[in-house]
């Protein structure tokens, strides 16, 4: 009986860890839930945490426009890119 109780406790612990891990992963992917418009490889935020304007072929060009406004650039979530500065 003690073995069954121990196994049940371990199973509950593992299930709790799995659920917490899944929630953490979905909150980290907040970027992909944003509205992204344009077909460029890199995007600039319209405002902090706002939608993305994806019109830049390079991260350097994007950063040139973003930095004076205190905004950030990121890879277009709709395209496959490494985000390198080349």
N, C-alpha and C. Protein backbone atom coordinates (compact mmCIF):
# COMPACT_ATOMS: atom_id res chain seq x y z
N UNK A 1 0.82 -1.19 0.00
CA UNK A 1 0.00 0.00 0.00
C UNK A 1 0.87 1.26 0.00
N UNK A 2 1.97 1.20 0.76
CA UNK A 2 2.87 2.34 0.81
C UNK A 2 3.48 2.60 -0.56
N UNK A 3 3.76 1.53 -1.32
CA UNK A 3 4.34 1.67 -2.65
C UNK A 3 3.36 2.36 -3.59
N UNK A 4 2.09 2.00 -3.51
CA UNK A 4 1.07 2.62 -4.36
C UNK A 4 0.95 4.11 -4.04
N UNK A 5 0.97 4.45 -2.77
CA UNK A 5 0.90 5.86 -2.38
C UNK A 5 2.10 6.64 -2.90
N UNK A 6 3.27 6.04 -2.80
CA UNK A 6 4.48 6.70 -3.29
C UNK A 6 4.42 6.90 -4.80
N UNK A 7 4.00 5.86 -5.52
CA UNK A 7 3.90 5.96 -6.98
C UNK A 7 2.86 7.01 -7.40
N UNK A 8 1.76 7.08 -6.67
CA UNK A 8 0.73 8.08 -6.96
C UNK A 8 1.27 9.48 -6.74
N UNK A 9 2.01 9.67 -5.66
CA UNK A 9 2.60 10.98 -5.37
C UNK A 9 3.61 11.37 -6.44
N UNK A 10 4.43 10.44 -6.87
CA UNK A 10 5.43 10.71 -7.91
C UNK A 10 4.73 11.05 -9.23
N UNK A 11 3.68 10.32 -9.58
CA UNK A 11 2.94 10.58 -10.82
C UNK A 11 2.30 11.97 -10.77
N UNK A 12 1.74 12.35 -9.63
CA UNK A 12 1.13 13.67 -9.49
C UNK A 12 2.19 14.77 -9.62
N UNK A 13 3.36 14.53 -9.04
CA UNK A 13 4.45 15.50 -9.13
C UNK A 13 4.91 15.68 -10.58
N UNK A 14 5.06 14.60 -11.29
CA UNK A 14 5.48 14.65 -12.69
C UNK A 14 4.42 15.36 -13.54
N UNK A 15 3.15 15.08 -13.30
CA UNK A 15 2.08 15.73 -14.04
C UNK A 15 2.08 17.23 -13.77
N UNK A 16 2.32 17.62 -12.53
CA UNK A 16 2.38 19.04 -12.18
C UNK A 16 3.54 19.74 -12.86
N UNK A 17 4.68 19.10 -12.90
CA UNK A 17 5.86 19.68 -13.55
C UNK A 17 5.61 19.82 -15.05
N UNK A 18 4.99 18.82 -15.67
CA UNK A 18 4.70 18.87 -17.10
C UNK A 18 3.75 20.01 -17.42
N UNK A 19 2.73 20.20 -16.62
CA UNK A 19 1.76 21.27 -16.86
C UNK A 19 2.42 22.64 -16.69
N UNK A 20 3.25 22.79 -15.67
CA UNK A 20 3.93 24.06 -15.44
C UNK A 20 4.90 24.36 -16.58
N UNK A 21 5.57 23.34 -17.07
CA UNK A 21 6.50 23.52 -18.18
C UNK A 21 5.75 23.96 -19.44
N UNK A 22 4.62 23.36 -19.71
CA UNK A 22 3.83 23.71 -20.89
C UNK A 22 3.34 25.14 -20.81
N UNK A 23 2.94 25.59 -19.63
CA UNK A 23 2.49 26.97 -19.46
C UNK A 23 3.63 27.93 -19.68
N UNK A 24 4.81 27.60 -19.20
CA UNK A 24 5.98 28.45 -19.37
C UNK A 24 6.35 28.59 -20.83
N UNK A 25 6.24 27.51 -21.57
CA UNK A 25 6.58 27.55 -23.00
C UNK A 25 5.60 28.42 -23.77
N UNK A 26 4.32 28.36 -23.43
CA UNK A 26 3.35 29.15 -24.17
C UNK A 26 3.50 30.63 -23.86
N UNK A 27 3.91 30.99 -22.65
CA UNK A 27 4.08 32.41 -22.33
C UNK A 27 5.35 32.96 -22.96
N UNK A 28 6.35 32.13 -23.22
CA UNK A 28 7.57 32.58 -23.85
C UNK A 28 7.38 32.84 -25.33
N UNK A 29 6.35 32.29 -25.90
CA UNK A 29 6.15 32.45 -27.34
C UNK A 29 5.20 33.60 -27.62
N UNK A 30 5.15 34.59 -26.75
CA UNK A 30 4.29 35.74 -26.94
C UNK A 30 4.55 36.47 -28.24
N UNK A 31 5.76 36.44 -28.70
CA UNK A 31 6.13 37.10 -29.94
C UNK A 31 5.30 36.59 -31.10
N UNK A 32 5.10 35.29 -31.16
CA UNK A 32 4.39 34.72 -32.30
C UNK A 32 2.91 35.08 -32.30
N UNK A 33 2.36 35.54 -31.16
CA UNK A 33 0.98 35.93 -31.10
C UNK A 33 0.74 37.35 -31.57
N UNK A 34 1.77 38.09 -31.86
CA UNK A 34 1.63 39.47 -32.32
C UNK A 34 1.20 39.52 -33.77
N UNK A 35 0.57 40.63 -34.11
CA UNK A 35 0.24 40.89 -35.51
C UNK A 35 1.50 41.30 -36.24
N UNK A 36 1.81 40.65 -37.30
CA UNK A 36 2.98 40.99 -38.12
C UNK A 36 2.52 41.24 -39.55
N UNK A 37 2.86 42.42 -40.07
CA UNK A 37 2.49 42.72 -41.45
C UNK A 37 3.75 43.01 -42.26
N UNK A 38 3.71 42.64 -43.52
CA UNK A 38 4.86 42.82 -44.39
C UNK A 38 5.57 41.52 -44.65
N UNK A 39 6.45 41.53 -45.63
CA UNK A 39 7.13 40.30 -46.02
C UNK A 39 8.64 40.37 -45.83
N UNK A 40 9.13 41.42 -45.17
CA UNK A 40 10.57 41.52 -44.92
C UNK A 40 11.04 40.48 -43.92
N UNK A 41 12.33 40.22 -43.92
CA UNK A 41 12.89 39.23 -43.00
C UNK A 41 12.95 39.73 -41.56
N UNK A 42 12.94 41.07 -41.37
CA UNK A 42 13.04 41.64 -40.03
C UNK A 42 11.94 42.66 -39.81
N UNK A 43 11.52 42.76 -38.55
CA UNK A 43 10.39 43.60 -38.18
C UNK A 43 10.79 44.61 -37.12
N UNK A 44 10.10 45.76 -37.14
CA UNK A 44 10.23 46.77 -36.11
C UNK A 44 8.89 46.84 -35.37
N UNK A 45 8.95 47.04 -34.07
CA UNK A 45 7.72 47.20 -33.30
C UNK A 45 7.11 48.56 -33.62
N UNK A 46 5.80 48.64 -33.70
CA UNK A 46 5.15 49.94 -33.85
C UNK A 46 5.17 50.67 -32.52
N UNK A 47 5.11 49.92 -31.43
CA UNK A 47 5.20 50.46 -30.07
C UNK A 47 5.65 49.31 -29.18
N UNK A 48 6.07 49.59 -27.96
CA UNK A 48 6.53 48.53 -27.06
C UNK A 48 5.45 47.46 -26.92
N UNK A 49 5.79 46.24 -27.32
CA UNK A 49 4.86 45.12 -27.24
C UNK A 49 3.76 45.15 -28.28
N UNK A 50 3.82 46.11 -29.20
CA UNK A 50 2.77 46.26 -30.21
C UNK A 50 2.98 45.39 -31.43
N UNK A 51 2.22 45.70 -32.46
CA UNK A 51 2.31 44.92 -33.69
C UNK A 51 3.64 45.17 -34.39
N UNK A 52 3.95 44.31 -35.33
CA UNK A 52 5.24 44.33 -36.02
C UNK A 52 5.08 44.76 -37.47
N UNK A 53 5.96 45.65 -37.92
CA UNK A 53 6.02 46.04 -39.32
C UNK A 53 7.26 45.38 -39.94
N UNK A 54 7.04 44.40 -40.77
CA UNK A 54 8.13 43.58 -41.31
C UNK A 54 8.45 44.03 -42.73
N UNK A 55 9.32 45.02 -42.83
CA UNK A 55 9.66 45.59 -44.14
C UNK A 55 11.16 45.67 -44.37
N UNK A 56 11.95 45.04 -43.51
CA UNK A 56 13.40 45.18 -43.58
C UNK A 56 14.07 43.90 -44.07
N UNK A 57 15.02 44.06 -44.98
CA UNK A 57 15.78 42.93 -45.49
C UNK A 57 16.92 42.54 -44.56
N UNK A 58 17.37 43.51 -43.74
CA UNK A 58 18.48 43.21 -42.82
C UNK A 58 18.18 43.76 -41.43
N UNK A 59 18.77 43.16 -40.44
CA UNK A 59 18.61 43.62 -39.07
C UNK A 59 19.24 45.00 -38.91
N UNK A 60 20.32 45.27 -39.63
CA UNK A 60 21.00 46.56 -39.55
C UNK A 60 20.08 47.70 -40.01
N UNK A 61 19.38 47.51 -41.11
CA UNK A 61 18.45 48.52 -41.61
C UNK A 61 17.31 48.74 -40.62
N UNK A 62 16.82 47.68 -40.05
CA UNK A 62 15.74 47.77 -39.07
C UNK A 62 16.20 48.55 -37.83
N UNK A 63 17.37 48.18 -37.31
CA UNK A 63 17.89 48.84 -36.11
C UNK A 63 18.15 50.33 -36.35
N UNK A 64 18.52 50.70 -37.56
CA UNK A 64 18.76 52.11 -37.90
C UNK A 64 17.49 52.94 -37.66
N UNK A 65 16.33 52.38 -38.00
CA UNK A 65 15.06 53.08 -37.77
C UNK A 65 14.54 52.92 -36.34
N UNK A 66 14.82 51.78 -35.73
CA UNK A 66 14.24 51.48 -34.42
C UNK A 66 14.94 52.20 -33.26
N UNK A 67 16.25 52.26 -33.30
CA UNK A 67 17.00 52.79 -32.16
C UNK A 67 16.65 54.23 -31.79
N UNK A 68 16.52 55.16 -32.74
CA UNK A 68 16.17 56.53 -32.35
C UNK A 68 14.80 56.62 -31.65
N UNK A 69 13.93 55.65 -31.90
CA UNK A 69 12.59 55.65 -31.32
C UNK A 69 12.51 54.81 -30.04
N UNK A 70 13.62 54.15 -29.68
CA UNK A 70 13.63 53.29 -28.51
C UNK A 70 12.86 51.99 -28.71
N UNK A 71 12.73 51.57 -29.96
CA UNK A 71 12.00 50.34 -30.28
C UNK A 71 12.99 49.23 -30.59
N UNK A 72 12.47 48.05 -30.84
CA UNK A 72 13.34 46.90 -31.10
C UNK A 72 13.01 46.25 -32.43
N UNK A 73 14.01 45.55 -32.94
CA UNK A 73 13.85 44.76 -34.16
C UNK A 73 13.93 43.28 -33.81
N UNK A 74 13.28 42.49 -34.63
CA UNK A 74 13.31 41.04 -34.43
C UNK A 74 13.05 40.34 -35.75
N UNK A 75 13.42 39.06 -35.83
CA UNK A 75 13.12 38.31 -37.05
C UNK A 75 11.61 38.23 -37.27
N UNK A 76 11.21 38.23 -38.51
CA UNK A 76 9.80 38.09 -38.85
C UNK A 76 9.31 36.73 -38.37
N UNK A 77 8.31 36.69 -37.49
CA UNK A 77 7.83 35.39 -36.99
C UNK A 77 7.18 34.55 -38.07
N UNK A 78 6.87 35.15 -39.21
CA UNK A 78 6.24 34.40 -40.32
C UNK A 78 7.24 33.84 -41.31
N UNK A 79 8.54 34.19 -41.16
CA UNK A 79 9.54 33.67 -42.09
C UNK A 79 10.64 32.96 -41.33
N UNK A 80 11.33 32.09 -42.03
CA UNK A 80 12.44 31.35 -41.43
C UNK A 80 13.71 32.14 -41.63
N UNK A 81 14.29 32.65 -40.53
CA UNK A 81 15.54 33.39 -40.60
C UNK A 81 16.33 33.13 -39.34
N UNK A 82 17.62 33.27 -39.43
CA UNK A 82 18.48 33.03 -38.26
C UNK A 82 18.65 34.27 -37.42
N UNK A 83 18.34 35.44 -37.97
CA UNK A 83 18.52 36.67 -37.24
C UNK A 83 19.94 37.19 -37.24
N UNK A 84 20.81 36.62 -38.07
CA UNK A 84 22.20 37.08 -38.11
C UNK A 84 22.28 38.44 -38.76
N UNK A 85 23.35 39.17 -38.50
CA UNK A 85 23.51 40.52 -39.03
C UNK A 85 24.16 40.54 -40.41
N UNK A 86 24.31 39.43 -41.05
CA UNK A 86 24.93 39.38 -42.39
C UNK A 86 24.00 39.86 -43.45
